[in-house]
Amino acid sequence: MRYARLGLCFLLLSSSAWAAPKPETVTVVMVDNRFEPDHVIFHAGRPTELRLENRGKDMHEFTAPDFLHASKIQDRKRLSNGGGDIVVQPGQTVTVRLVPGHAGNYKLICADHDWDGMVGSITVQP
């Protein structure tokens, strides 16, 4: 009976580990005043690692205040400008863990380079 209880406990613990969804990874590369890709898709309510790689020679920002404010951010210290953007220095990569909020379309810009066409869009699907 004792071994049956241990086996049941192990089964419950291991099944709960499988129940947690693995975070989706979304990668955006910033280079030469453009986002690659310039249209990013997330899934509402799904844990996501947003990986921002700056391969350019200038500092870039992932500025999407409506999207970021609608999302649950694990480490809000990674956000700048009142939580509306993420700054990435040249040659650096920043990863932000988040859970996107409600479905919709959101504007994406680099606040320092939008004048030069560094713009994009975000779609959060249901």
N, C-alpha and C. Protein backbone atom coordinates (compact mmCIF):
# COMPACT_ATOMS: atom_id res chain seq x y z
N MET A 1 0.82 -1.19 0.00
CA MET A 1 0.00 0.00 0.00
C MET A 1 0.87 1.27 0.00
N ARG A 2 1.96 1.20 0.78
CA ARG A 2 2.85 2.36 0.85
C ARG A 2 3.44 2.70 -0.51
N TYR A 3 3.85 1.67 -1.27
CA TYR A 3 4.43 1.89 -2.59
C TYR A 3 3.37 2.41 -3.57
N ALA A 4 2.14 1.97 -3.40
CA ALA A 4 1.06 2.46 -4.26
C ALA A 4 0.86 3.95 -4.05
N ARG A 5 0.93 4.41 -2.80
CA ARG A 5 0.76 5.84 -2.51
C ARG A 5 1.93 6.64 -3.10
N LEU A 6 3.15 6.11 -2.95
CA LEU A 6 4.30 6.79 -3.52
C LEU A 6 4.19 6.88 -5.04
N GLY A 7 3.74 5.80 -5.64
CA GLY A 7 3.57 5.78 -7.10
C GLY A 7 2.52 6.79 -7.54
N LEU A 8 1.42 6.88 -6.78
CA LEU A 8 0.36 7.84 -7.10
C LEU A 8 0.89 9.27 -6.95
N CYS A 9 1.65 9.53 -5.90
CA CYS A 9 2.23 10.87 -5.71
C CYS A 9 3.16 11.22 -6.86
N PHE A 10 3.99 10.26 -7.26
CA PHE A 10 4.92 10.50 -8.37
C PHE A 10 4.15 10.78 -9.66
N LEU A 11 3.10 10.01 -9.89
CA LEU A 11 2.30 10.20 -11.09
C LEU A 11 1.65 11.58 -11.10
N LEU A 12 1.11 12.00 -9.98
CA LEU A 12 0.48 13.32 -9.90
C LEU A 12 1.49 14.43 -10.10
N LEU A 13 2.66 14.32 -9.49
CA LEU A 13 3.69 15.35 -9.63
C LEU A 13 4.20 15.42 -11.07
N SER A 14 4.44 14.28 -11.67
CA SER A 14 4.97 14.30 -13.03
C SER A 14 3.92 14.77 -14.03
N SER A 15 2.66 14.44 -13.82
CA SER A 15 1.64 14.89 -14.76
C SER A 15 1.41 16.39 -14.65
N SER A 16 1.57 16.97 -13.44
CA SER A 16 1.40 18.42 -13.31
C SER A 16 2.53 19.16 -14.01
N ALA A 17 3.72 18.56 -14.05
CA ALA A 17 4.84 19.19 -14.75
C ALA A 17 4.56 19.23 -16.25
N TRP A 18 3.90 18.20 -16.77
CA TRP A 18 3.58 18.16 -18.20
C TRP A 18 2.42 19.09 -18.53
N ALA A 19 1.59 19.41 -17.54
CA ALA A 19 0.42 20.24 -17.78
C ALA A 19 0.81 21.69 -18.07
N ALA A 20 1.92 22.15 -17.51
CA ALA A 20 2.35 23.54 -17.75
C ALA A 20 2.86 23.66 -19.19
N PRO A 21 2.27 24.56 -19.98
CA PRO A 21 2.71 24.69 -21.36
C PRO A 21 4.12 25.26 -21.46
N LYS A 22 4.88 24.74 -22.39
CA LYS A 22 6.22 25.26 -22.64
C LYS A 22 6.07 26.63 -23.29
N PRO A 23 6.83 27.62 -22.83
CA PRO A 23 6.71 28.95 -23.43
C PRO A 23 7.05 28.94 -24.92
N GLU A 24 6.28 29.68 -25.66
CA GLU A 24 6.56 29.90 -27.07
C GLU A 24 7.69 30.92 -27.15
N THR A 25 8.56 30.81 -28.13
CA THR A 25 9.62 31.80 -28.32
C THR A 25 9.33 32.60 -29.58
N VAL A 26 9.33 33.92 -29.43
CA VAL A 26 9.15 34.83 -30.55
C VAL A 26 10.42 35.67 -30.63
N THR A 27 11.11 35.62 -31.76
CA THR A 27 12.37 36.34 -31.93
C THR A 27 12.17 37.48 -32.93
N VAL A 28 12.63 38.66 -32.53
CA VAL A 28 12.62 39.83 -33.41
C VAL A 28 14.05 40.36 -33.48
N VAL A 29 14.57 40.50 -34.69
CA VAL A 29 15.91 41.04 -34.90
C VAL A 29 15.78 42.51 -35.30
N MET A 30 16.61 43.34 -34.67
CA MET A 30 16.63 44.76 -34.98
C MET A 30 17.96 45.06 -35.66
N VAL A 31 17.89 45.57 -36.90
CA VAL A 31 19.11 45.85 -37.64
C VAL A 31 18.82 46.88 -38.72
N ASP A 32 19.77 47.80 -38.92
CA ASP A 32 19.67 48.78 -40.00
C ASP A 32 18.29 49.44 -40.09
N ASN A 33 17.78 49.82 -38.94
CA ASN A 33 16.51 50.54 -38.84
C ASN A 33 15.31 49.78 -39.40
N ARG A 34 15.29 48.48 -39.08
CA ARG A 34 14.12 47.67 -39.42
C ARG A 34 13.98 46.53 -38.43
N PHE A 35 12.75 46.05 -38.31
CA PHE A 35 12.46 44.86 -37.52
C PHE A 35 12.38 43.67 -38.47
N GLU A 36 12.94 42.54 -38.06
CA GLU A 36 12.84 41.30 -38.83
C GLU A 36 12.33 40.21 -37.92
N PRO A 37 11.09 39.77 -38.07
CA PRO A 37 10.08 40.23 -39.02
C PRO A 37 9.46 41.54 -38.55
N ASP A 38 8.78 42.22 -39.45
CA ASP A 38 8.13 43.47 -39.08
C ASP A 38 6.67 43.27 -38.68
N HIS A 39 6.19 42.05 -38.78
CA HIS A 39 4.86 41.68 -38.27
C HIS A 39 5.05 40.48 -37.35
N VAL A 40 4.69 40.65 -36.09
CA VAL A 40 4.93 39.63 -35.06
C VAL A 40 3.59 39.10 -34.58
N ILE A 41 3.50 37.78 -34.43
CA ILE A 41 2.25 37.14 -33.99
C ILE A 41 2.46 36.47 -32.64
N PHE A 42 1.54 36.75 -31.72
CA PHE A 42 1.50 36.13 -30.40
C PHE A 42 0.14 35.45 -30.24
N HIS A 43 0.02 34.62 -29.20
CA HIS A 43 -1.23 33.95 -28.89
C HIS A 43 -1.68 34.38 -27.50
N ALA A 44 -2.89 34.90 -27.42
CA ALA A 44 -3.43 35.40 -26.16
C ALA A 44 -3.39 34.32 -25.08
N GLY A 45 -2.88 34.70 -23.92
CA GLY A 45 -2.86 33.80 -22.78
C GLY A 45 -1.76 32.75 -22.79
N ARG A 46 -0.95 32.70 -23.83
CA ARG A 46 0.10 31.69 -23.91
C ARG A 46 1.43 32.27 -23.43
N PRO A 47 2.08 31.62 -22.46
CA PRO A 47 3.39 32.09 -22.01
C PRO A 47 4.37 32.16 -23.18
N THR A 48 5.08 33.29 -23.26
CA THR A 48 5.95 33.55 -24.40
C THR A 48 7.25 34.18 -23.94
N GLU A 49 8.34 33.77 -24.56
CA GLU A 49 9.63 34.45 -24.38
C GLU A 49 9.85 35.31 -25.62
N LEU A 50 9.81 36.61 -25.42
CA LEU A 50 10.09 37.55 -26.50
C LEU A 50 11.58 37.81 -26.50
N ARG A 51 12.24 37.38 -27.57
CA ARG A 51 13.70 37.51 -27.68
C ARG A 51 14.01 38.61 -28.69
N LEU A 52 14.63 39.67 -28.21
CA LEU A 52 14.96 40.82 -29.05
C LEU A 52 16.47 40.86 -29.26
N GLU A 53 16.92 40.75 -30.52
CA GLU A 53 18.34 40.75 -30.85
C GLU A 53 18.66 42.02 -31.62
N ASN A 54 19.57 42.82 -31.10
CA ASN A 54 19.99 44.02 -31.81
C ASN A 54 21.29 43.72 -32.54
N ARG A 55 21.20 43.54 -33.84
CA ARG A 55 22.37 43.27 -34.67
C ARG A 55 22.86 44.53 -35.39
N GLY A 56 22.30 45.66 -35.01
CA GLY A 56 22.68 46.92 -35.63
C GLY A 56 23.78 47.62 -34.86
N LYS A 57 24.15 48.80 -35.33
CA LYS A 57 25.22 49.56 -34.67
C LYS A 57 24.66 50.61 -33.71
N ASP A 58 23.33 50.83 -33.74
CA ASP A 58 22.69 51.80 -32.86
C ASP A 58 21.79 51.10 -31.84
N MET A 59 21.51 51.82 -30.76
CA MET A 59 20.54 51.35 -29.78
C MET A 59 19.16 51.37 -30.44
N HIS A 60 18.34 50.34 -30.17
CA HIS A 60 16.99 50.27 -30.71
C HIS A 60 16.00 50.00 -29.58
N GLU A 61 14.76 50.35 -29.86
CA GLU A 61 13.69 50.13 -28.90
C GLU A 61 12.56 49.35 -29.54
N PHE A 62 12.02 48.43 -28.78
CA PHE A 62 10.81 47.71 -29.14
C PHE A 62 9.70 48.47 -28.44
N THR A 63 9.13 49.46 -29.14
CA THR A 63 8.13 50.34 -28.54
C THR A 63 6.74 49.89 -28.96
N ALA A 64 6.00 49.36 -28.00
CA ALA A 64 4.64 48.85 -28.23
C ALA A 64 3.85 49.00 -26.94
N PRO A 65 3.58 50.24 -26.52
CA PRO A 65 2.97 50.46 -25.21
C PRO A 65 1.62 49.77 -25.02
N ASP A 66 0.76 49.79 -26.04
CA ASP A 66 -0.55 49.16 -25.88
C ASP A 66 -0.40 47.65 -25.68
N PHE A 67 0.48 47.03 -26.48
CA PHE A 67 0.71 45.59 -26.35
C PHE A 67 1.34 45.25 -25.00
N LEU A 68 2.38 45.98 -24.62
CA LEU A 68 3.08 45.67 -23.37
C LEU A 68 2.21 45.91 -22.14
N HIS A 69 1.39 46.96 -22.17
CA HIS A 69 0.50 47.22 -21.03
C HIS A 69 -0.61 46.18 -20.93
N ALA A 70 -1.01 45.60 -22.07
CA ALA A 70 -2.06 44.57 -22.07
C ALA A 70 -1.52 43.19 -21.70
N SER A 71 -0.20 43.05 -21.65
CA SER A 71 0.42 41.75 -21.35
C SER A 71 0.85 41.67 -19.90
N LYS A 72 0.94 40.44 -19.41
CA LYS A 72 1.52 40.20 -18.09
C LYS A 72 3.00 39.97 -18.29
N ILE A 73 3.83 40.85 -17.71
CA ILE A 73 5.27 40.79 -17.88
C ILE A 73 5.88 40.21 -16.62
N GLN A 74 6.73 39.18 -16.77
CA GLN A 74 7.33 38.55 -15.61
C GLN A 74 8.30 39.49 -14.88
N ASP A 75 9.17 40.16 -15.62
CA ASP A 75 10.17 41.04 -15.01
C ASP A 75 10.00 42.44 -15.59
N ARG A 76 9.17 43.23 -14.95
CA ARG A 76 8.85 44.57 -15.45
C ARG A 76 10.06 45.50 -15.45
N LYS A 77 11.14 45.13 -14.76
CA LYS A 77 12.35 45.95 -14.75
C LYS A 77 13.01 46.01 -16.12
N ARG A 78 12.67 45.10 -17.00
CA ARG A 78 13.23 45.10 -18.36
C ARG A 78 12.57 46.16 -19.25
N LEU A 79 11.46 46.73 -18.76
CA LEU A 79 10.73 47.72 -19.55
C LEU A 79 11.22 49.13 -19.23
N SER A 80 11.08 50.03 -20.21
CA SER A 80 11.48 51.43 -20.06
C SER A 80 10.30 52.33 -20.40
N ASN A 81 10.51 53.62 -20.16
CA ASN A 81 9.53 54.65 -20.55
C ASN A 81 8.12 54.32 -20.08
N GLY A 82 7.98 54.10 -18.79
CA GLY A 82 6.67 53.83 -18.22
C GLY A 82 6.08 52.50 -18.61
N GLY A 83 6.93 51.55 -18.97
CA GLY A 83 6.47 50.22 -19.35
C GLY A 83 6.05 50.10 -20.80
N GLY A 84 6.37 51.10 -21.63
CA GLY A 84 5.93 51.09 -23.01
C GLY A 84 6.93 50.58 -24.02
N ASP A 85 8.19 50.38 -23.59
CA ASP A 85 9.15 49.83 -24.55
C ASP A 85 10.27 49.07 -23.87
N ILE A 86 11.05 48.39 -24.71
CA ILE A 86 12.19 47.60 -24.27
C ILE A 86 13.40 48.10 -25.04
N VAL A 87 14.43 48.52 -24.33
CA VAL A 87 15.63 49.06 -24.95
C VAL A 87 16.64 47.93 -25.14
N VAL A 88 17.24 47.89 -26.33
CA VAL A 88 18.24 46.87 -26.63
C VAL A 88 19.47 47.58 -27.21
N GLN A 89 20.57 47.45 -26.51
CA GLN A 89 21.83 48.07 -26.93
C GLN A 89 22.44 47.31 -28.12
N PRO A 90 23.29 47.96 -28.92
CA PRO A 90 23.92 47.29 -30.06
C PRO A 90 24.65 46.01 -29.64
N GLY A 91 24.43 44.95 -30.39
CA GLY A 91 25.10 43.68 -30.11
C GLY A 91 24.51 42.90 -28.95
N GLN A 92 23.46 43.41 -28.33
CA GLN A 92 22.87 42.75 -27.17
C GLN A 92 21.59 42.02 -27.54
N THR A 93 21.21 41.09 -26.68
CA THR A 93 19.94 40.38 -26.78
C THR A 93 19.23 40.52 -25.46
N VAL A 94 17.95 40.84 -25.51
CA VAL A 94 17.13 40.96 -24.32
C VAL A 94 15.96 39.99 -24.46
N THR A 95 15.73 39.19 -23.43
CA THR A 95 14.60 38.27 -23.43
C THR A 95 13.63 38.69 -22.34
N VAL A 96 12.37 38.82 -22.72
CA VAL A 96 11.31 39.21 -21.80
C VAL A 96 10.26 38.12 -21.81
N ARG A 97 9.95 37.60 -20.63
CA ARG A 97 8.90 36.59 -20.51
C ARG A 97 7.58 37.30 -20.25
N LEU A 98 6.59 36.94 -21.06
CA LEU A 98 5.30 37.60 -20.94
C LEU A 98 4.17 36.66 -21.32
N VAL A 99 2.97 37.07 -20.96
CA VAL A 99 1.75 36.39 -21.39
C VAL A 99 0.91 37.45 -22.08
N PRO A 100 0.76 37.36 -23.40
CA PRO A 100 -0.02 38.37 -24.11
C PRO A 100 -1.46 38.43 -23.62
N GLY A 101 -2.00 39.64 -23.60
CA GLY A 101 -3.38 39.86 -23.17
C GLY A 101 -4.37 39.51 -24.27
N HIS A 102 -5.41 40.30 -24.35
CA HIS A 102 -6.51 40.03 -25.27
C HIS A 102 -6.09 40.15 -26.74
N ALA A 103 -6.83 39.43 -27.57
CA ALA A 103 -6.55 39.43 -29.00
C ALA A 103 -6.74 40.82 -29.60
N GLY A 104 -5.95 41.10 -30.62
CA GLY A 104 -6.07 42.38 -31.31
C GLY A 104 -4.81 42.71 -32.09
N ASN A 105 -4.80 43.90 -32.67
CA ASN A 105 -3.67 44.38 -33.45
C ASN A 105 -3.05 45.57 -32.73
N TYR A 106 -1.72 45.62 -32.73
CA TYR A 106 -1.00 46.63 -31.98
C TYR A 106 0.09 47.23 -32.86
N LYS A 107 0.39 48.49 -32.61
CA LYS A 107 1.43 49.21 -33.33
C LYS A 107 2.79 48.90 -32.70
N LEU A 108 3.81 48.75 -33.53
CA LEU A 108 5.18 48.52 -33.09
C LEU A 108 6.08 49.52 -33.81
N ILE A 109 6.92 50.22 -33.04
CA ILE A 109 7.90 51.14 -33.64
C ILE A 109 9.19 51.07 -32.83
N CYS A 110 10.25 51.60 -33.40
CA CYS A 110 11.45 51.94 -32.64
C CYS A 110 11.32 53.44 -32.43
N ALA A 111 11.18 53.86 -31.18
CA ALA A 111 10.92 55.27 -30.88
C ALA A 111 12.00 56.20 -31.43
N ASP A 112 13.22 55.69 -31.60
CA ASP A 112 14.31 56.53 -32.12
C ASP A 112 14.46 56.47 -33.64
N HIS A 113 13.85 55.48 -34.28
CA HIS A 113 14.08 55.31 -35.71
C HIS A 113 12.80 55.13 -36.53
N ASP A 114 11.65 55.42 -35.96
CA ASP A 114 10.41 55.27 -36.72
C ASP A 114 10.37 56.21 -37.91
N TRP A 115 11.01 57.36 -37.78
CA TRP A 115 11.09 58.34 -38.88
C TRP A 115 11.81 57.76 -40.10
N ASP A 116 12.65 56.72 -39.84
CA ASP A 116 13.42 56.11 -40.92
C ASP A 116 12.80 54.78 -41.36
N GLY A 117 11.56 54.55 -40.95
CA GLY A 117 10.85 53.36 -41.40
C GLY A 117 10.94 52.15 -40.47
N MET A 118 11.48 52.32 -39.27
CA MET A 118 11.57 51.19 -38.34
C MET A 118 10.23 51.06 -37.61
N VAL A 119 9.28 50.49 -38.33
CA VAL A 119 7.93 50.31 -37.82
C VAL A 119 7.47 48.88 -38.12
N GLY A 120 6.46 48.47 -37.40
CA GLY A 120 5.93 47.13 -37.61
C GLY A 120 4.58 47.01 -36.96
N SER A 121 4.14 45.78 -36.82
CA SER A 121 2.84 45.54 -36.20
C SER A 121 2.88 44.23 -35.42
N ILE A 122 1.96 44.15 -34.47
CA ILE A 122 1.83 42.98 -33.63
C ILE A 122 0.38 42.51 -33.71
N THR A 123 0.20 41.22 -33.88
CA THR A 123 -1.13 40.63 -33.81
C THR A 123 -1.14 39.61 -32.68
N VAL A 124 -2.13 39.75 -31.81
CA VAL A 124 -2.34 38.75 -30.77
C VAL A 124 -3.59 37.97 -31.20
N GLN A 125 -3.38 36.70 -31.47
CA GLN A 125 -4.48 35.84 -31.89
C GLN A 125 -5.14 35.20 -30.68
N PRO A 126 -6.43 34.88 -30.80
CA PRO A 126 -7.12 34.22 -29.66
C PRO A 126 -6.53 32.86 -29.35
